Amino acid sequence: MEEKNNNGIDVNVIEKHFREILDKGLKVDLKDPNFLETPKRVAKAYKEIFAGLDHTKEDIKNIFKACFPTNYKGIVFEKNITVFSMCPHHFLPVRYEVSVGYIPDGCGVGLSKLVRIIELLAKRPALQETLTQEIVELIEENMHTKGAICLVRGEHYCMQMRGVKQKDVSTTTSSANGVFLTKPEMELKFYESMRNS
């Protein structure tokens, strides 16, 4: 039976071509019981791993609609949100630890909403720098904030499994806007809060 995501992710095409990669590209014996269902499993896994492609920016923006009024003046932050993604260069996994913060300007959002947005963005192949910036931009565009900030630490398997083969290397990126850019003490406060929590 044909199975397709709304966005056009076609598991049948993935299965067919992955079978060809195994058979003709890697010369794997597809009669081996361990490989019989592999193309189908990979196609199903890709559908889940790249589920973010199934959501438009509008879908993601709709998550922010559950905004609530607040008089809170401090930094709201979530630390160590773990998500997995795929790098666009080698299509190998990346494990991210994301910490994000914002200062409400009369409006807050449920904490699970931030996690959901980060998960959806990570389920698209993108550079770490792009992911970091997109998180801050989406908060800025869709919430009433005085500023937003994001820190992402990534373990890139393209550097661990191949090439330089450095298993302990991590890459850190950050992005900020609003008061986190105009008032350096606010950025410092965010990083101190993260260290002390």
Protein backbone atom coordinates (compact mmCIF):
# COMPACT_ATOMS: atom_id res chain seq x y z
CA MET A 1 0.00 0.00 0.00
CA GLU A 2 1.34 3.45 -0.94
CA GLU A 3 2.23 5.62 2.00
CA LYS A 4 2.91 9.33 1.69
CA ASN A 5 3.21 12.26 4.08
CA ASN A 6 1.18 15.39 3.29
CA ASN A 7 4.36 17.23 2.40
CA GLY A 8 5.35 14.73 -0.24
CA ILE A 9 7.74 12.52 1.76
CA ASP A 10 7.22 9.32 -0.17
CA VAL A 11 8.29 6.26 1.82
CA ASN A 12 7.88 4.06 -1.25
CA VAL A 13 10.45 6.08 -3.19
CA ILE A 14 12.83 6.05 -0.19
CA GLU A 15 12.41 2.29 0.22
CA LYS A 16 12.99 1.61 -3.49
CA HIS A 17 16.14 3.73 -3.73
CA PHE A 18 17.57 2.60 -0.41
CA ARG A 19 17.17 -1.00 -1.60
CA GLU A 20 19.19 0.00 -4.68
CA ILE A 21 21.87 1.66 -2.53
CA LEU A 22 22.23 -1.52 -0.46
CA ASP A 23 22.12 -3.86 -3.44
CA LYS A 24 24.02 -2.03 -6.18
CA GLY A 25 25.98 0.60 -4.26
CA LEU A 26 27.11 -1.34 -1.17
CA LYS A 27 26.74 -4.87 -2.61
CA VAL A 28 24.86 -6.08 0.47
CA ASP A 29 23.23 -9.50 0.18
CA LEU A 30 19.54 -8.59 0.42
CA LYS A 31 18.64 -12.26 0.86
CA ASP A 32 20.32 -12.15 4.28
CA PRO A 33 17.43 -12.19 6.80
CA ASN A 34 18.97 -9.20 8.61
CA PHE A 35 18.54 -7.03 5.52
CA LEU A 36 15.18 -8.27 4.19
CA GLU A 37 13.14 -5.47 5.76
CA THR A 38 15.92 -2.87 6.03
CA PRO A 39 14.82 -0.63 3.11
CA LYS A 40 11.27 -0.50 4.51
CA ARG A 41 12.56 0.20 8.05
CA VAL A 42 14.83 2.99 6.80
CA ALA A 43 11.96 4.59 4.86
CA LYS A 44 9.76 4.46 7.97
CA ALA A 45 12.56 5.86 10.13
CA TYR A 46 13.17 8.72 7.67
CA LYS A 47 9.49 9.59 7.78
CA GLU A 48 9.83 10.06 11.56
CA ILE A 49 13.31 11.64 11.56
CA PHE A 50 12.32 14.23 8.94
CA ALA A 51 8.80 14.87 10.28
CA GLY A 52 9.63 18.58 10.51
CA LEU A 53 9.46 18.72 6.71
CA ASP A 54 5.77 17.87 7.09
CA HIS A 55 5.15 21.21 8.81
CA THR A 56 5.15 24.62 7.16
CA LYS A 57 6.32 27.74 8.98
CA GLU A 58 2.62 28.55 9.39
CA ASP A 59 2.06 25.27 11.24
CA ILE A 60 4.93 26.09 13.56
CA LYS A 61 3.64 29.64 14.08
CA ASN A 62 0.26 28.19 15.14
CA ILE A 63 1.95 26.59 18.16
CA PHE A 64 2.60 30.11 19.48
CA LYS A 65 -1.11 30.97 19.42
CA ALA A 66 -1.55 29.49 22.90
CA CYS A 67 -0.08 32.66 24.41
CA PHE A 68 -1.16 33.75 27.91
CA PRO A 69 -0.96 37.15 29.65
CA THR A 70 1.82 37.58 32.21
CA ASN A 71 3.40 40.39 34.25
CA TYR A 72 6.62 38.42 34.78
CA LYS A 73 9.67 40.62 34.10
CA GLY A 74 12.53 38.11 34.39
CA ILE A 75 14.05 35.58 32.03
CA VAL A 76 12.08 32.44 31.24
CA PHE A 77 14.50 29.75 30.15
CA GLU A 78 14.61 26.08 29.41
CA LYS A 79 17.88 24.23 29.64
CA ASN A 80 19.19 21.06 28.02
CA ILE A 81 16.39 20.26 25.59
CA THR A 82 17.77 17.19 23.79
CA VAL A 83 16.87 16.80 20.13
CA PHE A 84 18.33 14.85 17.22
CA SER A 85 18.75 16.08 13.68
CA MET A 86 20.62 15.22 10.50
CA CYS A 87 23.38 17.35 9.04
CA PRO A 88 22.68 18.40 5.44
CA HIS A 89 26.24 17.72 4.28
CA HIS A 90 26.65 14.01 5.07
CA PHE A 91 23.14 13.07 6.24
CA LEU A 92 24.56 11.76 9.51
CA PRO A 93 23.00 12.34 12.94
CA VAL A 94 23.60 15.33 15.18
CA ARG A 95 22.69 15.33 18.87
CA TYR A 96 21.78 18.78 20.14
CA GLU A 97 21.43 20.18 23.66
CA VAL A 98 19.38 23.37 23.27
CA SER A 99 18.90 26.04 25.91
CA VAL A 100 16.55 28.88 25.14
CA GLY A 101 15.32 31.94 27.00
CA TYR A 102 13.11 34.95 26.53
CA ILE A 103 11.83 37.93 28.49
CA PRO A 104 8.06 38.24 28.18
CA ASP A 105 6.53 41.58 27.26
CA GLY A 106 3.04 40.87 28.59
CA CYS A 107 2.73 37.45 26.93
CA GLY A 108 4.08 34.01 27.81
CA VAL A 109 3.91 30.62 26.16
CA GLY A 110 3.59 27.15 27.67
CA LEU A 111 6.99 25.58 28.30
CA SER A 112 6.14 22.48 26.28
CA LYS A 113 5.44 24.73 23.29
CA LEU A 114 9.08 25.83 23.13
CA VAL A 115 10.20 22.19 23.22
CA ARG A 116 7.71 21.27 20.49
CA ILE A 117 8.95 24.08 18.23
CA ILE A 118 12.60 23.12 18.74
CA GLU A 119 11.80 19.46 18.01
CA LEU A 120 10.00 20.35 14.77
CA LEU A 121 12.83 22.59 13.59
CA ALA A 122 15.41 19.89 14.41
CA LYS A 123 13.48 17.34 12.33
CA ARG A 124 14.67 19.05 9.16
CA PRO A 125 18.17 18.70 7.76
CA ALA A 126 19.83 22.05 8.54
CA LEU A 127 23.12 23.53 9.66
CA GLN A 128 23.47 24.05 13.41
CA GLU A 129 23.91 27.78 12.83
CA THR A 130 20.63 27.89 10.90
CA LEU A 131 18.73 25.96 13.59
CA THR A 132 20.03 28.27 16.33
CA GLN A 133 19.04 31.41 14.43
CA GLU A 134 15.63 30.03 13.38
CA ILE A 135 14.68 29.32 17.00
CA VAL A 136 15.36 32.94 18.03
CA GLU A 137 13.70 34.37 14.91
CA LEU A 138 10.52 32.32 15.44
CA ILE A 139 10.26 33.49 19.05
CA GLU A 140 10.83 37.10 17.94
CA GLU A 141 8.26 36.91 15.12
CA ASN A 142 5.52 35.14 17.07
CA MET A 143 5.71 36.25 20.70
CA HIS A 144 5.61 39.57 22.52
CA THR A 145 9.10 39.53 24.03
CA LYS A 146 11.73 42.03 25.07
CA GLY A 147 14.31 39.62 23.71
CA ALA A 148 15.15 35.98 23.03
CA ILE A 149 18.36 33.99 23.27
CA CYS A 150 19.40 30.49 22.29
CA LEU A 151 22.49 28.36 22.93
CA VAL A 152 22.97 25.09 21.03
CA ARG A 153 25.65 22.49 21.68
CA GLY A 154 25.94 19.85 18.96
CA GLU A 155 27.72 16.51 18.70
CA HIS A 156 28.12 15.90 14.98
CA TYR A 157 28.48 12.26 14.00
CA CYS A 158 30.00 13.33 10.66
CA MET A 159 33.04 14.35 12.76
CA GLN A 160 32.88 11.33 15.08
CA MET A 161 32.25 8.44 12.66
CA ARG A 162 34.30 9.63 9.69
CA GLY A 163 36.81 12.27 8.61
CA VAL A 164 38.67 13.62 11.66
CA LYS A 165 37.03 11.00 13.96
CA GLN A 166 36.95 13.19 17.06
CA LYS A 167 34.49 11.62 19.50
CA ASP A 168 34.74 14.32 22.19
CA VAL A 169 34.37 17.40 19.97
CA SER A 170 31.24 19.50 20.26
CA THR A 171 30.17 22.64 18.41
CA THR A 172 28.49 25.56 20.17
CA THR A 173 26.38 28.25 18.50
CA SER A 174 24.34 31.07 19.95
CA SER A 175 21.89 33.67 18.72
CA ALA A 176 20.12 36.53 20.45
CA ASN A 177 17.95 39.57 19.84
CA GLY A 178 16.30 42.42 21.72
CA VAL A 179 17.63 43.21 25.20
CA PHE A 180 20.05 40.29 25.02
CA LEU A 181 21.88 42.26 22.32
CA THR A 182 21.38 45.80 23.58
CA LYS A 183 22.09 45.05 27.26
CA PRO A 184 25.12 42.75 27.65
CA GLU A 185 24.25 42.26 31.34
CA MET A 186 21.05 40.44 30.29
CA GLU A 187 23.01 38.02 28.13
CA LEU A 188 25.41 37.48 31.03
CA LYS A 189 22.46 36.90 33.37
CA PHE A 190 21.11 34.21 31.02
CA TYR A 191 24.43 32.34 30.95
CA GLU A 192 24.86 32.69 34.73
CA SER A 193 21.34 31.36 35.32
CA MET A 194 22.13 28.39 33.10
CA ARG A 195 25.36 27.65 34.94
CA ASN A 196 23.70 27.89 38.36
CA SER A 197 20.57 25.87 37.66
